[in-house]
Amino acid sequence: MPMSSNRIPPEEAQLRAQSRATLAAQRRAEAETALEALRVEQIAVRERTAKLRALRLAKEAADAEAAAAVPPAKTRAKPAKTVVRRRTASS
């Protein structure tokens, strides 16, 4: 029985190699595109966070300034409780 050869013809091997290289290049390009989109989103989140932080700090400063401008309300002193003493029979 003659041994069958499992060898791939050189033309087919070259086509397979080119196909693998093309596929790898496409995957690299897709990964770079996805990574760039992620970076853009991260920058946008940082910018929104900085803007919101600045707004919060400005509001807190305005609230503190408004609280300092209003004089504290005068509190009425509560009248002291009077203690009623009962007279005892011996007094």
C-alpha atoms as a PDB file:
ATOM      1  CA  MET A   1       0.000   0.000   0.000  1.00  0.00           C
ATOM      2  CA  PRO A   2       1.563   3.290  -1.000  1.00  0.00           C
ATOM      3  CA  MET A   3       1.643   5.972   1.696  1.00  0.00           C
ATOM      4  CA  SER A   4      -0.677   8.823   0.977  1.00  0.00           C
ATOM      5  CA  SER A   5       0.896  12.165   1.181  1.00  0.00           C
ATOM      6  CA  ASN A   6      -0.764  14.702   3.501  1.00  0.00           C
ATOM      7  CA  ARG A   7       1.301  17.516   2.097  1.00  0.00           C
ATOM      8  CA  ILE A   8      -0.441  20.702   1.070  1.00  0.00           C
ATOM      9  CA  PRO A   9       0.461  22.058  -2.329  1.00  0.00           C
ATOM     10  CA  PRO A  10       2.663  25.157  -2.052  1.00  0.00           C
ATOM     11  CA  GLU A  11       0.070  27.384  -3.744  1.00  0.00           C
ATOM     12  CA  GLU A  12      -2.600  26.407  -1.193  1.00  0.00           C
ATOM     13  CA  ALA A  13      -0.178  26.859   1.717  1.00  0.00           C
ATOM     14  CA  GLN A  14       0.640  30.331   0.457  1.00  0.00           C
ATOM     15  CA  LEU A  15      -3.061  31.212   0.142  1.00  0.00           C
ATOM     16  CA  ARG A  16      -3.723  29.960   3.685  1.00  0.00           C
ATOM     17  CA  ALA A  17      -0.816  31.993   5.047  1.00  0.00           C
ATOM     18  CA  GLN A  18      -2.050  35.121   3.267  1.00  0.00           C
ATOM     19  CA  SER A  19      -5.556  34.526   4.590  1.00  0.00           C
ATOM     20  CA  ARG A  20      -4.260  34.183   8.149  1.00  0.00           C
ATOM     21  CA  ALA A  21      -2.174  37.340   7.784  1.00  0.00           C
ATOM     22  CA  THR A  22      -5.137  39.277   6.385  1.00  0.00           C
ATOM     23  CA  LEU A  23      -7.396  38.073   9.184  1.00  0.00           C
ATOM     24  CA  ALA A  24      -4.783  39.000  11.821  1.00  0.00           C
ATOM     25  CA  ALA A  25      -4.451  42.484  10.303  1.00  0.00           C
ATOM     26  CA  GLN A  26      -8.243  42.945  10.352  1.00  0.00           C
ATOM     27  CA  ARG A  27      -8.407  41.887  13.994  1.00  0.00           C
ATOM     28  CA  ARG A  28      -5.596  44.290  14.890  1.00  0.00           C
ATOM     29  CA  ALA A  29      -7.382  47.140  13.119  1.00  0.00           C
ATOM     30  CA  GLU A  30     -10.667  46.334  14.907  1.00  0.00           C
ATOM     31  CA  ALA A  31      -8.880  46.191  18.264  1.00  0.00           C
ATOM     32  CA  GLU A  32      -7.216  49.555  17.640  1.00  0.00           C
ATOM     33  CA  THR A  33     -10.557  51.093  16.668  1.00  0.00           C
ATOM     34  CA  ALA A  34     -12.241  49.720  19.801  1.00  0.00           C
ATOM     35  CA  LEU A  35      -9.375  50.927  21.981  1.00  0.00           C
ATOM     36  CA  GLU A  36      -9.553  54.410  20.496  1.00  0.00           C
ATOM     37  CA  ALA A  37     -13.310  54.530  21.114  1.00  0.00           C
ATOM     38  CA  LEU A  38     -12.692  53.512  24.721  1.00  0.00           C
ATOM     39  CA  ARG A  39     -10.095  56.247  25.160  1.00  0.00           C
ATOM     40  CA  VAL A  40     -12.465  58.867  23.731  1.00  0.00           C
ATOM     41  CA  GLU A  41     -15.210  57.731  26.125  1.00  0.00           C
ATOM     42  CA  GLN A  42     -12.822  57.866  29.102  1.00  0.00           C
ATOM     43  CA  ILE A  43     -11.824  61.424  28.201  1.00  0.00           C
ATOM     44  CA  ALA A  44     -15.486  62.436  27.931  1.00  0.00           C
ATOM     45  CA  VAL A  45     -16.252  60.903  31.341  1.00  0.00           C
ATOM     46  CA  ARG A  46     -13.314  62.734  32.929  1.00  0.00           C
ATOM     47  CA  GLU A  47     -14.447  66.031  31.398  1.00  0.00           C
ATOM     48  CA  ARG A  48     -18.042  65.570  32.591  1.00  0.00           C
ATOM     49  CA  THR A  49     -16.819  64.616  36.064  1.00  0.00           C
ATOM     50  CA  ALA A  50     -14.607  67.712  36.261  1.00  0.00           C
ATOM     51  CA  LYS A  51     -17.492  69.942  35.142  1.00  0.00           C
ATOM     52  CA  LEU A  52     -19.892  68.450  37.691  1.00  0.00           C
ATOM     53  CA  ARG A  53     -17.284  68.757  40.450  1.00  0.00           C
ATOM     54  CA  ALA A  54     -16.732  72.422  39.620  1.00  0.00           C
ATOM     55  CA  LEU A  55     -20.483  73.046  39.707  1.00  0.00           C
ATOM     56  CA  ARG A  56     -20.815  71.254  43.054  1.00  0.00           C
ATOM     57  CA  LEU A  57     -17.938  73.203  44.601  1.00  0.00           C
ATOM     58  CA  ALA A  58     -19.372  76.494  43.328  1.00  0.00           C
ATOM     59  CA  LYS A  59     -22.780  75.651  44.808  1.00  0.00           C
ATOM     60  CA  GLU A  60     -21.242  74.682  48.150  1.00  0.00           C
ATOM     61  CA  ALA A  61     -19.301  77.960  48.229  1.00  0.00           C
ATOM     62  CA  ALA A  62     -22.431  79.962  47.387  1.00  0.00           C
ATOM     63  CA  ASP A  63     -24.415  78.126  50.064  1.00  0.00           C
ATOM     64  CA  ALA A  64     -21.695  78.784  52.649  1.00  0.00           C
ATOM     65  CA  GLU A  65     -21.576  82.458  51.677  1.00  0.00           C
ATOM     66  CA  ALA A  66     -25.364  82.765  51.925  1.00  0.00           C
ATOM     67  CA  ALA A  67     -25.360  81.038  55.317  1.00  0.00           C
ATOM     68  CA  ALA A  68     -22.691  83.441  56.590  1.00  0.00           C
ATOM     69  CA  ALA A  69     -24.659  86.490  55.385  1.00  0.00           C
ATOM     70  CA  VAL A  70     -27.840  85.551  57.259  1.00  0.00           C
ATOM     71  CA  PRO A  71     -27.621  86.429  60.966  1.00  0.00           C
ATOM     72  CA  PRO A  72     -28.466  83.555  63.240  1.00  0.00           C
ATOM     73  CA  ALA A  73     -32.038  83.571  64.485  1.00  0.00           C
ATOM     74  CA  LYS A  74     -32.429  84.739  68.057  1.00  0.00           C
ATOM     75  CA  THR A  75     -33.665  82.021  70.271  1.00  0.00           C
ATOM     76  CA  ARG A  76     -35.985  82.873  73.093  1.00  0.00           C
ATOM     77  CA  ALA A  77     -34.846  81.750  76.457  1.00  0.00           C
ATOM     78  CA  LYS A  78     -37.235  79.240  77.847  1.00  0.00           C
ATOM     79  CA  PRO A  79     -38.724  80.238  81.169  1.00  0.00           C
ATOM     80  CA  ALA A  80     -37.368  78.286  84.050  1.00  0.00           C
ATOM     81  CA  LYS A  81     -39.659  75.652  85.386  1.00  0.00           C
ATOM     82  CA  THR A  82     -41.133  76.596  88.700  1.00  0.00           C
ATOM     83  CA  VAL A  83     -41.090  73.997  91.329  1.00  0.00           C
ATOM     84  CA  VAL A  84     -44.169  73.906  93.482  1.00  0.00           C
ATOM     85  CA  ARG A  85     -43.333  72.814  96.987  1.00  0.00           C
ATOM     86  CA  ARG A  86     -45.981  71.383  99.112  1.00  0.00           C
ATOM     87  CA  ARG A  87     -46.155  72.325 102.677  1.00  0.00           C
ATOM     88  CA  THR A  88     -45.919  69.552 105.033  1.00  0.00           C
ATOM     89  CA  ALA A  89     -48.124  69.265 108.093  1.00  0.00           C
ATOM     90  CA  SER A  90     -45.164  69.822 110.402  1.00  0.00           C
ATOM     91  CA  SER A  91     -44.445  73.284 109.042  1.00  0.00           C
END
